[in-house]
Amino acid sequence: MSNPSIHHGALPLSREHMPTDYHISLDSYFQRENIGQGYQNKEQRIPSYFGPNQPMRGFEATYANIIDYIVRITYQIWEERDVEYIDSTYSDDSKVFDDYGLQLGNKKIIADTYHTTAAFSNIRLIADEVVWAGNDEIGYHTSHRTIIRGRNDGNSKYGTATGKDVDVLVIANCVVKENKIFLEHVLYNNSSLVLQLGLDLNAMAEKMALEPPVGWPRAKETWAHLRGASSPEMPISVTEPIDGFDVDAFSRANFNTLWNENNFKALDDIYLDGFEFFGPSDRVGSGQGAYQEFIESMCATFPDLQLQVDEVYWMGNQTENYISSVRWSATGTHQGDVLYPNPQGCEVQLWGVTQQKILGGKVKTEWTLFNELDLMMQLAAHRNALNET
């Protein structure tokens, strides 16, 4: 019998926990031609061969490795509609940080999943990428980038069925041990979902601020836990320095240079020409200029924005390339109206997950999600509070 105490906290990763090749990877699992290329329509959703065996102490014997576990439990829960299987794959005391705060326990996840499958009866969750690190002793950390596709043919938390088809990017960073996910940071790109449903995003933020979901708004303690959960006390690049290219040092320096220092001259040193960017609320761009505009718009809206990198893990090597997962968080004061109107000087909580494909020491492709609908709800709640006084 497993020890339930293992689910009460996630230990931080070390450099030794990072896979140095793609022997066990989503690319290998689906026999993809190129590393980090993402989902291809021709792929068999569940392959006939589940890949090489990996130490999986405490996991169900059916799972060959951590990639196999993530792909098949997602498929079984969502597309085979075995929603109750969540009871076997999430711990009773699981903590899930999402756009709407902190969700506690697997029963809440089960209820939310039933709600979503009722709203999108043909929903599919397609594995696009999984960055993993760790082992079965410390726990496996996975950053699962997923494409959600389905038709809104049932009522949802956003209102009555619209009949619209949606294609939404999700990134879920999980920590799992002995078959149980016990910590998760997940962003469902809800702002994009609302737009694709044909609804007004500002009006939805106002409505949800007045009728908030369970777990929202976050208390200060929840915000601190969101930022610190599974984070190392000191960056791996500081405690375990290496010669040559270091993904941890690269990621932390780049986020600080661009977001905190607004040094856009460094873009040439960070990104390849014509790199691709996929972001929240259907933001898609190509090239350094478009990316600079995105960061400038955020920083003009929140001029005192201070961003910190909370966790970095990665796979790969200099020869084949790297794919990384960066979890980050920030606070800032709404003082500009470039993105969101009527600045009232309120402080907001902003957090996100970024995956990057790094080739030759520069970023080739980036996927970034942050809590944009939640952010707009925070602004709406502040305006409502001012109107009441």
Protein backbone atom coordinates (compact mmCIF):
# COMPACT_ATOMS: atom_id res chain seq x y z
CA MET A 1 0.00 0.00 0.00
CA SER A 2 1.35 3.45 -0.92
CA ASN A 3 2.20 5.99 1.73
CA PRO A 4 -0.35 8.83 1.53
CA SER A 5 2.17 11.30 2.97
CA ILE A 6 4.02 11.37 -0.34
CA HIS A 7 1.16 13.39 -1.80
CA HIS A 8 1.51 16.34 0.56
CA GLY A 9 4.33 18.10 -1.25
CA ALA A 10 6.45 17.96 -4.39
CA LEU A 11 10.23 17.88 -4.08
CA PRO A 12 12.16 20.16 -6.46
CA LEU A 13 14.09 18.70 -9.37
CA SER A 14 17.86 18.58 -9.83
CA ARG A 15 19.94 18.53 -12.98
CA GLU A 16 20.26 14.74 -12.78
CA HIS A 17 16.50 14.44 -13.25
CA MET A 18 16.49 15.97 -16.75
CA PRO A 19 16.36 13.46 -19.66
CA THR A 20 19.36 13.98 -21.93
CA ASP A 21 17.80 12.32 -24.97
CA TYR A 22 14.41 11.49 -26.52
CA HIS A 23 14.46 7.74 -25.91
CA ILE A 24 11.31 8.17 -23.83
CA SER A 25 9.34 11.03 -25.36
CA LEU A 26 6.10 11.83 -27.13
CA ASP A 27 8.04 11.93 -30.41
CA SER A 28 9.25 8.38 -29.84
CA TYR A 29 5.83 7.23 -28.62
CA PHE A 30 4.11 8.39 -31.81
CA GLN A 31 7.08 7.71 -34.11
CA ARG A 32 7.28 11.35 -35.15
CA GLU A 33 9.83 12.36 -37.74
CA ASN A 34 11.19 15.46 -36.01
CA ILE A 35 11.75 16.24 -32.34
CA GLY A 36 9.23 18.69 -30.91
CA GLN A 37 7.12 18.91 -34.07
CA GLY A 38 3.78 18.49 -32.29
CA TYR A 39 0.66 16.59 -33.29
CA GLN A 40 0.26 15.36 -36.85
CA ASN A 41 -3.21 14.49 -38.18
CA LYS A 42 -1.99 11.12 -39.46
CA GLU A 43 -0.97 9.94 -36.00
CA GLN A 44 -2.56 6.95 -34.32
CA ARG A 45 -3.92 8.43 -31.11
CA ILE A 46 -3.03 5.39 -29.01
CA PRO A 47 -0.11 3.49 -30.54
CA SER A 48 0.17 -0.28 -30.57
CA TYR A 49 3.59 -0.14 -28.89
CA PHE A 50 3.80 1.87 -25.68
CA GLY A 51 7.53 2.45 -25.73
CA PRO A 52 10.44 1.21 -23.61
CA ASN A 53 9.91 0.35 -19.97
CA GLN A 54 10.89 2.89 -17.34
CA PRO A 55 10.96 2.50 -13.54
CA MET A 56 7.33 3.04 -12.48
CA ARG A 57 7.18 1.93 -8.86
CA GLY A 58 3.64 2.09 -7.54
CA PHE A 59 2.06 2.72 -10.95
CA GLU A 60 -0.42 0.37 -12.57
CA ALA A 61 1.48 -2.35 -14.41
CA THR A 62 -0.15 -1.45 -17.73
CA TYR A 63 1.94 1.72 -18.09
CA ALA A 64 5.36 1.32 -19.69
CA ASN A 65 6.67 4.80 -18.94
CA ILE A 66 5.59 8.29 -17.91
CA ILE A 67 4.66 9.33 -21.46
CA ASP A 68 2.43 6.28 -21.81
CA TYR A 69 0.80 7.08 -18.46
CA ILE A 70 0.00 10.71 -19.35
CA VAL A 71 -1.31 9.93 -22.84
CA ARG A 72 -3.46 6.95 -21.94
CA ILE A 73 -5.02 8.24 -18.73
CA THR A 74 -6.02 11.43 -20.57
CA TYR A 75 -7.57 9.42 -23.38
CA GLN A 76 -9.35 7.04 -21.02
CA ILE A 77 -10.78 9.78 -18.82
CA TRP A 78 -11.88 12.19 -21.52
CA GLU A 79 -12.51 10.25 -24.70
CA GLU A 80 -13.49 6.86 -23.35
CA ARG A 81 -15.56 8.81 -20.80
CA ASP A 82 -14.18 6.89 -17.82
CA VAL A 83 -14.40 10.01 -15.68
CA GLU A 84 -14.40 8.04 -12.43
CA TYR A 85 -10.87 6.83 -13.31
CA ILE A 86 -9.76 10.21 -11.99
CA ASP A 87 -10.20 8.64 -8.56
CA SER A 88 -7.34 6.27 -9.42
CA THR A 89 -5.06 8.84 -11.06
CA TYR A 90 -5.44 11.90 -8.79
CA SER A 91 -4.86 11.75 -5.05
CA ASP A 92 -7.66 12.45 -2.61
CA ASP A 93 -5.78 15.54 -1.44
CA SER A 94 -4.60 16.72 -4.86
CA LYS A 95 -4.02 20.43 -5.36
CA VAL A 96 -4.81 21.89 -8.76
CA PHE A 97 -3.95 25.52 -9.48
CA ASP A 98 -5.93 26.76 -12.48
CA ASP A 99 -7.30 29.99 -13.95
CA TYR A 100 -9.83 30.13 -11.13
CA GLY A 101 -7.65 29.63 -8.09
CA LEU A 102 -7.06 26.40 -6.15
CA GLN A 103 -9.13 23.24 -6.61
CA LEU A 104 -8.79 20.71 -3.80
CA GLY A 105 -9.24 16.95 -4.09
CA ASN A 106 -10.06 14.55 -6.90
CA LYS A 107 -13.83 14.74 -6.31
CA LYS A 108 -13.78 18.35 -7.52
CA ILE A 109 -11.87 17.29 -10.64
CA ILE A 110 -14.38 14.53 -11.33
CA ALA A 111 -17.30 16.96 -11.06
CA ASP A 112 -15.60 19.52 -13.33
CA THR A 113 -14.81 16.85 -15.93
CA TYR A 114 -18.43 15.64 -16.02
CA HIS A 115 -19.49 19.24 -16.54
CA THR A 116 -17.11 19.74 -19.47
CA THR A 117 -17.93 16.46 -21.22
CA ALA A 118 -21.62 17.38 -20.98
CA ALA A 119 -20.91 20.76 -22.58
CA PHE A 120 -18.76 19.23 -25.37
CA SER A 121 -20.11 15.74 -26.07
CA ASN A 122 -17.55 14.99 -28.82
CA ILE A 123 -14.57 16.46 -26.97
CA ARG A 124 -11.07 15.25 -27.85
CA LEU A 125 -7.88 15.94 -25.92
CA ILE A 126 -4.98 15.50 -28.32
CA ALA A 127 -1.42 15.15 -27.03
CA ASP A 128 0.74 17.81 -28.71
CA GLU A 129 3.84 17.62 -26.50
CA VAL A 130 4.95 16.27 -23.13
CA VAL A 131 8.08 17.62 -21.47
CA TRP A 132 9.02 15.39 -18.56
CA ALA A 133 11.67 15.12 -15.85
CA GLY A 134 12.17 13.30 -12.57
CA ASN A 135 11.78 9.64 -11.64
CA ASP A 136 9.54 7.31 -9.63
CA GLU A 137 11.34 8.16 -6.39
CA ILE A 138 11.14 11.96 -6.40
CA GLY A 139 8.07 12.00 -8.62
CA TYR A 140 7.63 12.55 -12.34
CA HIS A 141 7.08 16.14 -13.47
CA THR A 142 5.23 16.49 -16.77
CA SER A 143 4.32 19.53 -18.85
CA HIS A 144 1.51 18.26 -21.07
CA ARG A 145 0.59 20.50 -24.00
CA THR A 146 -2.81 19.46 -25.28
CA ILE A 147 -5.18 20.48 -28.07
CA ILE A 148 -8.83 20.43 -27.02
CA ARG A 149 -11.30 20.05 -29.88
CA GLY A 150 -15.05 19.72 -29.66
CA ARG A 151 -18.46 21.26 -30.33
CA ASN A 152 -20.30 23.16 -27.62
CA ASP A 153 -23.60 21.29 -27.79
CA GLY A 154 -24.44 21.47 -24.09
CA ASN A 155 -24.70 24.17 -21.46
CA SER A 156 -21.44 25.22 -19.76
CA LYS A 157 -20.28 27.63 -17.09
CA TYR A 158 -20.19 30.23 -19.86
CA GLY A 159 -23.88 29.90 -20.73
CA THR A 160 -26.18 27.96 -23.02
CA ALA A 161 -24.83 25.85 -25.88
CA THR A 162 -23.56 27.91 -28.82
CA GLY A 163 -23.04 25.07 -31.33
CA LYS A 164 -19.55 26.44 -31.99
CA ASP A 165 -16.52 24.26 -32.66
CA VAL A 166 -13.48 25.06 -30.51
CA ASP A 167 -9.78 24.34 -30.92
CA VAL A 168 -8.04 25.38 -27.72
CA LEU A 169 -4.50 24.94 -26.42
CA VAL A 170 -4.00 23.70 -22.85
CA ILE A 171 -0.80 23.27 -20.83
CA ALA A 172 -0.93 21.18 -17.65
CA ASN A 173 2.15 20.84 -15.44
CA CYS A 174 1.66 17.84 -13.15
CA VAL A 175 3.65 16.03 -10.49
CA VAL A 176 2.78 12.34 -10.19
CA LYS A 177 3.98 9.53 -7.96
CA GLU A 178 2.68 5.97 -7.53
CA ASN A 179 -0.05 6.44 -10.15
CA LYS A 180 -1.43 9.60 -8.48
CA ILE A 181 -1.17 13.18 -9.67
CA PHE A 182 -1.02 15.23 -6.50
CA LEU A 183 0.02 18.66 -7.79
CA GLU A 184 -1.01 20.40 -10.99
CA HIS A 185 -0.67 23.85 -12.53
CA VAL A 186 -3.03 23.98 -15.51
CA LEU A 187 -4.08 26.73 -17.91
CA TYR A 188 -7.01 25.98 -20.20
CA ASN A 189 -6.71 29.16 -22.29
CA ASN A 190 -10.22 30.05 -21.17
CA SER A 191 -10.02 33.47 -22.80
CA SER A 192 -9.53 31.76 -26.16
CA LEU A 193 -12.38 29.36 -25.41
CA VAL A 194 -14.77 32.22 -24.66
CA LEU A 195 -13.84 33.98 -27.91
CA GLN A 196 -14.24 30.80 -29.96
CA LEU A 197 -17.68 30.27 -28.43
CA GLY A 198 -18.60 33.61 -30.00
CA LEU A 199 -18.98 35.36 -26.64
CA ASP A 200 -17.78 38.79 -25.50
CA LEU A 201 -14.67 38.34 -23.38
CA ASN A 202 -15.04 41.58 -21.39
CA ALA A 203 -18.69 40.86 -20.61
CA MET A 204 -17.80 37.32 -19.53
CA ALA A 205 -15.10 38.61 -17.18
CA GLU A 206 -17.61 41.03 -15.63
CA LYS A 207 -20.20 38.27 -15.21
CA MET A 208 -17.78 35.80 -13.65
CA ALA A 209 -16.36 38.40 -11.28
CA LEU A 210 -19.90 38.87 -9.93
CA GLU A 211 -20.55 35.11 -9.80
CA PRO A 212 -17.07 33.68 -9.16
CA PRO A 213 -16.28 29.97 -9.37
CA VAL A 214 -15.14 27.95 -6.37
CA GLY A 215 -11.54 28.81 -5.45
CA TRP A 216 -11.61 32.40 -6.73
CA PRO A 217 -10.24 34.86 -5.86
CA ARG A 218 -6.98 33.49 -4.49
CA ALA A 219 -5.91 34.24 -0.96
CA LYS A 220 -2.36 35.48 -0.41
CA GLU A 221 -1.43 32.06 0.96
CA THR A 222 -2.76 30.37 -2.19
CA TRP A 223 -0.81 32.75 -4.41
CA ALA A 224 2.38 32.06 -2.46
CA HIS A 225 1.79 28.31 -2.71
CA LEU A 226 1.10 28.55 -6.46
CA ARG A 227 4.43 30.29 -6.97
CA GLY A 228 6.49 28.14 -4.63
CA ALA A 229 5.05 24.66 -5.17
CA SER A 230 7.84 22.34 -6.44
CA SER A 231 10.17 25.32 -6.96
CA PRO A 232 13.82 24.96 -5.94
CA GLU A 233 15.08 27.31 -3.23
CA MET A 234 17.88 28.33 -5.58
CA PRO A 235 17.98 27.90 -9.38
CA ILE A 236 19.60 24.73 -10.66
CA SER A 237 22.00 26.88 -12.70
CA VAL A 238 23.27 28.37 -9.41
CA THR A 239 23.43 25.24 -7.27
CA GLU A 240 24.65 22.96 -10.07
CA PRO A 241 26.53 25.14 -12.59
CA ILE A 242 27.88 23.63 -15.80
CA ASP A 243 30.09 24.72 -18.66
CA GLY A 244 28.40 25.37 -21.99
CA PHE A 245 24.74 25.91 -22.74
CA ASP A 246 22.45 25.64 -19.72
CA VAL A 247 18.66 25.60 -20.29
CA ASP A 248 17.96 26.77 -16.74
CA ALA A 249 20.29 29.77 -16.94
CA PHE A 250 19.13 30.56 -20.49
CA SER A 251 15.44 30.57 -19.54
CA ARG A 252 15.79 32.57 -16.34
CA ALA A 253 18.03 35.20 -17.91
CA ASN A 254 15.77 35.61 -20.94
CA PHE A 255 12.56 36.12 -18.98
CA ASN A 256 14.29 38.69 -16.78
CA THR A 257 15.92 40.48 -19.73
CA LEU A 258 12.72 40.82 -21.75
CA TRP A 259 9.97 41.15 -19.15
CA ASN A 260 11.68 42.94 -16.25
CA GLU A 261 14.39 44.93 -18.03
CA ASN A 262 12.56 45.35 -21.37
CA ASN A 263 15.86 44.94 -23.19
CA PHE A 264 14.55 44.06 -26.65
CA LYS A 265 17.98 44.34 -28.26
CA ALA A 266 18.55 40.89 -26.75
CA LEU A 267 15.84 39.34 -28.95
CA ASP A 268 18.42 38.49 -31.61
CA ASP A 269 20.41 36.53 -29.04
CA ILE A 270 17.37 34.64 -27.76
CA TYR A 271 15.15 33.90 -30.78
CA LEU A 272 15.82 32.61 -34.27
CA ASP A 273 14.64 34.77 -37.15
CA GLY A 274 11.04 33.99 -38.02
CA PHE A 275 10.43 31.98 -34.85
CA GLU A 276 6.80 31.05 -34.17
CA PHE A 277 4.82 32.09 -31.13
CA PHE A 278 1.50 30.69 -29.86
CA GLY A 279 -0.16 32.52 -27.00
CA PRO A 280 -3.42 33.04 -25.09
CA SER A 281 -6.62 34.42 -26.59
CA ASP A 282 -5.68 33.08 -30.04
CA ARG A 283 -2.51 35.18 -30.23
CA VAL A 284 -0.29 33.70 -32.94
CA GLY A 285 2.77 35.44 -34.31
CA SER A 286 5.93 34.99 -36.29
CA GLY A 287 9.16 36.89 -35.87
CA GLN A 288 10.81 38.99 -33.21
CA GLY A 289 8.89 42.17 -34.02
CA ALA A 290 5.49 40.64 -33.29
CA TYR A 291 6.78 39.12 -30.07
CA GLN A 292 8.24 42.43 -28.94
CA GLU A 293 4.87 44.11 -29.54
CA PHE A 294 3.18 41.52 -27.33
CA ILE A 295 5.60 42.06 -24.41
CA GLU A 296 5.48 45.85 -24.82
CA SER A 297 1.68 45.81 -24.70
CA MET A 298 1.73 43.84 -21.45
CA CYS A 299 4.36 46.06 -19.87
CA ALA A 300 2.59 49.25 -20.99
CA THR A 301 -0.59 48.00 -19.32
CA PHE A 302 1.30 46.98 -16.15
CA PRO A 303 4.36 49.30 -16.07
CA ASP A 304 5.68 47.94 -12.76
CA LEU A 305 5.30 44.29 -13.79
CA GLN A 306 7.77 42.07 -11.96
CA LEU A 307 8.07 38.53 -13.24
CA GLN A 308 9.81 35.61 -11.57
CA VAL A 309 10.61 32.18 -12.95
CA ASP A 310 9.29 29.57 -10.55
CA GLU A 311 10.43 26.31 -12.16
CA VAL A 312 12.33 25.12 -15.23
CA TYR A 313 12.77 21.58 -16.53
CA TRP A 314 13.76 20.23 -19.89
CA MET A 315 14.67 17.36 -22.17
CA GLY A 316 17.37 16.93 -24.78
CA ASN A 317 20.90 17.95 -25.66
CA GLN A 318 22.81 20.38 -27.84
CA THR A 319 22.97 18.00 -30.81
CA GLU A 320 19.29 17.06 -31.06
CA ASN A 321 17.85 20.29 -29.50
CA TYR A 322 15.99 20.96 -26.26
CA ILE A 323 12.36 21.29 -25.32
CA SER A 324 11.68 23.06 -22.05
CA SER A 325 8.89 23.95 -19.65
CA VAL A 326 9.08 27.24 -17.74
CA ARG A 327 6.52 28.04 -15.07
CA TRP A 328 6.46 31.71 -14.11
CA SER A 329 4.44 34.25 -12.16
CA ALA A 330 4.22 38.02 -11.85
CA THR A 331 2.48 40.88 -10.13
CA GLY A 332 1.77 44.28 -11.58
CA THR A 333 -0.41 47.36 -11.24
CA HIS A 334 -3.03 48.19 -13.87
CA GLN A 335 -1.89 51.68 -14.88
CA GLY A 336 -2.18 51.58 -18.68
CA ASP A 337 -5.04 50.89 -21.08
CA VAL A 338 -3.19 49.31 -23.99
CA LEU A 339 -4.76 45.88 -23.42
CA TYR A 340 -7.44 46.42 -20.78
CA PRO A 341 -9.42 49.68 -20.51
CA ASN A 342 -10.12 51.95 -17.53
CA PRO A 343 -6.99 51.46 -15.40
CA GLN A 344 -7.79 51.80 -11.72
CA GLY A 345 -4.37 51.18 -10.19
CA CYS A 346 -5.17 47.74 -8.78
CA GLU A 347 -2.54 45.04 -8.35
CA VAL A 348 -3.08 41.78 -10.23
CA GLN A 349 -1.76 38.24 -10.09
CA LEU A 350 -0.45 36.88 -13.38
CA TRP A 351 0.96 33.40 -13.92
CA GLY A 352 1.79 31.22 -16.87
CA VAL A 353 3.54 28.26 -18.40
CA THR A 354 5.84 28.53 -21.40
CA GLN A 355 7.18 25.69 -23.50
CA GLN A 356 10.06 26.36 -25.85
CA LYS A 357 11.80 24.41 -28.59
CA ILE A 358 15.45 25.47 -28.46
CA LEU A 359 17.74 24.86 -31.40
CA GLY A 360 21.40 25.87 -31.48
CA GLY A 361 21.05 27.92 -28.31
CA LYS A 362 18.08 29.95 -29.58
CA VAL A 363 14.31 29.57 -29.38
CA LYS A 364 12.71 28.24 -32.55
CA THR A 365 9.11 27.91 -31.31
CA GLU A 366 7.33 29.09 -28.17
CA TRP A 367 3.96 28.25 -26.62
CA THR A 368 2.84 30.51 -23.76
CA LEU A 369 -0.38 30.50 -21.78
CA PHE A 370 -1.29 32.76 -18.88
CA ASN A 371 -4.44 33.34 -16.82
CA GLU A 372 -5.92 36.07 -19.03
CA LEU A 373 -9.62 35.56 -18.23
CA ASP A 374 -8.78 35.39 -14.53
CA LEU A 375 -6.71 38.56 -14.93
CA MET A 376 -9.67 40.36 -16.51
CA MET A 377 -11.91 39.07 -13.71
CA GLN A 378 -9.53 40.61 -11.17
CA LEU A 379 -9.82 43.97 -12.92
CA ALA A 380 -13.61 43.68 -13.11
CA ALA A 381 -13.87 42.79 -9.41
CA HIS A 382 -11.80 45.84 -8.49
CA ARG A 383 -14.02 48.13 -10.59
CA ASN A 384 -17.11 46.63 -8.98
CA ALA A 385 -15.68 47.23 -5.51
CA LEU A 386 -14.97 50.88 -6.37
CA ASN A 387 -18.50 51.36 -7.67
CA GLU A 388 -19.93 50.04 -4.41
CA THR A 389 -18.01 52.54 -2.28
